[in-house]
Amino acid sequence: MNDILKEARTILQTTPHRWDYLTQNVSPDLLNLQPAPKEWSALECLQHLVDVESSVFPVRIKALLAGQDFPAFDPDSQGSKTGSDLSQQELAEEFASLRAASLELFDKLTPSDLPRQARHAELGVVTMSELLHEWAAHDLMHTVQAERALMQPFIQGCQPWRSYFTDHIVES
C-alpha cells in the first residue's frame, strides 16, 4: 500500500457512517443477538470500538509521536463491551464523536511520522505505519464480525442456500 495515511483515513472515516446506518435501521433484537456463546453481538462490537477509540488508538498515536512506550489493551478485562447505558443510536453517535476527534489527531500526521517507533508491552517495537495499518484493519475486522453476527438468523432461515454460507456460520 503506497499511501497508508490516505487509505487508512478513508477506512477510519467510513466506519462511523456504517454504524450510524446500522443502528438507525436494524432492530435492537438483531443488533443484540449473540451468534454463539463467547461471540460478540453487533452492539458488543460497536461498544468495543467505542472503548478503543476513547482509550487506545489516540493514546498510542500520542505515545508514538512522543517516542513513549505504551501498554497492551485487553478488551476482556479493560473493555466495557456491553457496559453502556446508551441506546444503540447514542452509542453510534458516541463512536462518531470520538472518531471525529481521532481524525483531527490523525490529520496532523505526516509521512515523516510513519517510521516513528515505540515499544508495545506485548509486541515489542512498533512503528506509526504499523499502528495505522492495524487501526484500519481493526475497524474492518470488527465491522465484519458484527455483520457476521447479524447474518446468523438469515443463514439459518435460508435452508436450501445454507451451503453457500459455510464460511460465515458461527457454530455454537
Protein backbone atom coordinates (compact mmCIF):
# COMPACT_ATOMS: atom_id res chain seq x y z
CA MET A 1 0.00 0.00 0.00
CA ASN A 2 1.60 3.21 -1.16
CA ASP A 3 -0.22 5.80 0.94
CA ILE A 4 -1.23 4.46 4.34
CA LEU A 5 -2.23 7.93 5.52
CA LYS A 6 -4.80 8.27 2.73
CA GLU A 7 -6.01 4.66 2.72
CA ALA A 8 -6.31 4.30 6.50
CA ARG A 9 -8.09 7.63 6.82
CA THR A 10 -10.65 6.55 4.22
CA ILE A 11 -11.45 3.40 6.22
CA LEU A 12 -11.48 5.25 9.55
CA GLN A 13 -13.74 7.96 8.15
CA THR A 14 -16.20 5.44 6.71
CA THR A 15 -16.70 3.23 9.77
CA PRO A 16 -18.87 5.62 11.84
CA HIS A 17 -21.23 6.09 8.88
CA ARG A 18 -21.69 2.33 8.57
CA TRP A 19 -22.50 2.05 12.26
CA ASP A 20 -24.85 5.01 12.14
CA TYR A 21 -26.83 3.38 9.35
CA LEU A 22 -26.94 0.01 11.11
CA THR A 23 -28.06 1.43 14.44
CA GLN A 24 -30.77 3.55 12.80
CA ASN A 25 -32.19 0.75 10.66
CA VAL A 26 -31.56 -2.64 12.25
CA SER A 27 -33.74 -3.78 15.13
CA PRO A 28 -32.34 -3.82 18.66
CA ASP A 29 -33.09 -7.55 18.86
CA LEU A 30 -30.91 -8.29 15.85
CA LEU A 31 -28.13 -5.92 16.92
CA ASN A 32 -28.04 -7.55 20.37
CA LEU A 33 -28.16 -11.11 19.05
CA GLN A 34 -25.15 -13.05 20.29
CA PRO A 35 -24.39 -15.52 17.50
CA ALA A 36 -22.87 -18.13 19.84
CA PRO A 37 -21.55 -18.33 23.38
CA LYS A 38 -18.43 -16.19 23.79
CA GLU A 39 -19.10 -14.46 20.44
CA TRP A 40 -19.86 -10.74 20.40
CA SER A 41 -23.12 -9.30 19.15
CA ALA A 42 -23.01 -6.43 16.70
CA LEU A 43 -23.58 -3.94 19.53
CA GLU A 44 -20.78 -5.51 21.57
CA CYS A 45 -18.51 -4.92 18.57
CA LEU A 46 -19.62 -1.29 18.47
CA GLN A 47 -19.04 -0.89 22.21
CA HIS A 48 -15.55 -2.30 21.75
CA LEU A 49 -14.88 0.25 19.00
CA VAL A 50 -16.01 3.00 21.40
CA ASP A 51 -13.68 1.62 24.07
CA VAL A 52 -10.63 1.58 21.83
CA GLU A 53 -11.49 4.91 20.25
CA SER A 54 -11.52 6.56 23.65
CA SER A 55 -8.52 4.91 25.29
CA VAL A 56 -6.34 3.01 22.83
CA PHE A 57 -5.70 4.40 19.35
CA PRO A 58 -5.40 8.12 20.16
CA VAL A 59 -3.26 7.27 23.18
CA ARG A 60 -0.96 5.14 21.03
CA ILE A 61 -0.60 7.82 18.35
CA LYS A 62 0.37 10.35 21.01
CA ALA A 63 2.83 7.87 22.54
CA LEU A 64 4.44 7.16 19.18
CA LEU A 65 4.72 10.87 18.42
CA ALA A 66 6.43 11.35 21.79
CA GLY A 67 8.57 8.21 21.47
CA GLN A 68 6.98 6.78 24.62
CA ASP A 69 6.21 3.14 25.26
CA PHE A 70 2.60 2.09 25.78
CA PRO A 71 0.73 -0.80 27.39
CA ALA A 72 -1.23 -3.57 25.72
CA PHE A 73 -5.04 -3.48 25.79
CA ASP A 74 -7.12 -6.47 26.87
CA PRO A 75 -10.74 -5.99 25.81
CA ASP A 76 -11.95 -8.70 28.18
CA SER A 77 -10.55 -7.03 31.29
CA GLN A 78 -10.29 -3.38 30.21
CA GLY A 79 -13.21 -3.01 27.82
CA SER A 80 -16.83 -2.48 28.75
CA LYS A 81 -18.33 -4.46 25.82
CA THR A 82 -21.96 -4.01 26.93
CA GLY A 83 -21.50 -1.82 29.98
CA SER A 84 -23.04 1.24 28.37
CA ASP A 85 -26.43 2.70 29.28
CA LEU A 86 -26.58 4.35 25.87
CA SER A 87 -29.16 3.40 23.26
CA GLN A 88 -27.83 1.83 20.08
CA GLN A 89 -28.12 5.16 18.26
CA GLU A 90 -26.44 7.05 21.12
CA LEU A 91 -23.62 4.52 21.09
CA ALA A 92 -23.12 5.09 17.36
CA GLU A 93 -23.16 8.85 17.96
CA GLU A 94 -20.57 8.47 20.73
CA PHE A 95 -18.37 6.48 18.39
CA ALA A 96 -18.75 9.10 15.65
CA SER A 97 -17.83 11.88 18.07
CA LEU A 98 -14.76 10.04 19.36
CA ARG A 99 -13.71 9.14 15.83
CA ALA A 100 -14.02 12.77 14.70
CA ALA A 101 -11.61 13.76 17.46
CA SER A 102 -9.27 10.92 16.49
CA LEU A 103 -9.33 12.02 12.86
CA GLU A 104 -8.29 15.52 13.92
CA LEU A 105 -5.24 13.94 15.56
CA PHE A 106 -4.73 11.64 12.56
CA ASP A 107 -4.75 14.63 10.20
CA LYS A 108 -1.70 16.06 11.97
CA LEU A 109 0.36 13.03 10.94
CA THR A 110 2.78 13.36 8.06
CA PRO A 111 4.80 10.82 6.08
CA SER A 112 7.80 11.68 8.24
CA ASP A 113 5.88 10.36 11.29
CA LEU A 114 5.38 6.89 9.79
CA PRO A 115 8.75 5.43 10.87
CA ARG A 116 8.42 6.70 14.47
CA GLN A 117 8.80 3.89 16.97
CA ALA A 118 7.70 2.97 20.47
CA ARG A 119 7.53 -0.23 22.44
CA HIS A 120 4.22 -2.05 22.79
CA ALA A 121 4.16 -4.01 26.05
CA GLU A 122 3.40 -7.35 24.32
CA LEU A 123 4.55 -6.90 20.72
CA GLY A 124 7.82 -5.06 21.17
CA VAL A 125 8.91 -2.21 18.93
CA VAL A 126 6.19 -0.98 16.58
CA THR A 127 6.04 1.90 14.12
CA MET A 128 3.41 4.52 13.43
CA SER A 129 2.89 2.98 10.00
CA GLU A 130 2.20 -0.42 11.54
CA LEU A 131 -0.23 1.13 14.02
CA LEU A 132 -2.15 2.85 11.22
CA HIS A 133 -2.38 -0.43 9.30
CA GLU A 134 -3.62 -2.16 12.45
CA TRP A 135 -6.18 0.57 13.20
CA ALA A 136 -7.79 0.32 9.75
CA ALA A 137 -7.72 -3.50 9.85
CA HIS A 138 -9.21 -3.42 13.37
CA ASP A 139 -12.13 -1.29 12.17
CA LEU A 140 -12.80 -3.63 9.28
CA MET A 141 -12.38 -6.77 11.39
CA HIS A 142 -14.99 -5.72 13.94
CA THR A 143 -17.35 -4.48 11.25
CA VAL A 144 -17.10 -7.88 9.55
CA GLN A 145 -17.52 -9.59 12.94
CA ALA A 146 -20.67 -7.55 13.61
CA GLU A 147 -22.09 -8.25 10.17
CA ARG A 148 -21.33 -11.93 10.63
CA ALA A 149 -23.33 -11.86 13.87
CA LEU A 150 -26.20 -10.16 12.02
CA MET A 151 -26.09 -12.82 9.28
CA GLN A 152 -26.77 -15.79 11.55
CA PRO A 153 -30.60 -15.77 11.67
CA PHE A 154 -30.73 -15.17 7.93
CA ILE A 155 -28.37 -18.06 7.26
CA GLN A 156 -30.49 -20.29 9.50
CA GLY A 157 -33.62 -19.33 7.57
CA CYS A 158 -32.32 -19.93 4.05
CA GLN A 159 -32.00 -23.72 4.29
CA PRO A 160 -31.58 -24.62 0.59
CA TRP A 161 -28.86 -21.97 0.24
CA ARG A 162 -27.17 -22.56 3.61
CA SER A 163 -24.21 -24.32 1.99
CA TYR A 164 -23.30 -21.03 0.28
CA PHE A 165 -22.63 -19.51 3.69
CA THR A 166 -20.44 -22.15 5.31
CA ASP A 167 -17.55 -19.70 5.75
CA HIS A 168 -19.84 -17.38 7.72
CA ILE A 169 -21.68 -19.75 10.02
CA VAL A 170 -20.89 -19.23 13.69
CA GLU A 171 -21.06 -22.62 15.40
CA SER A 172 -22.27 -22.82 19.00
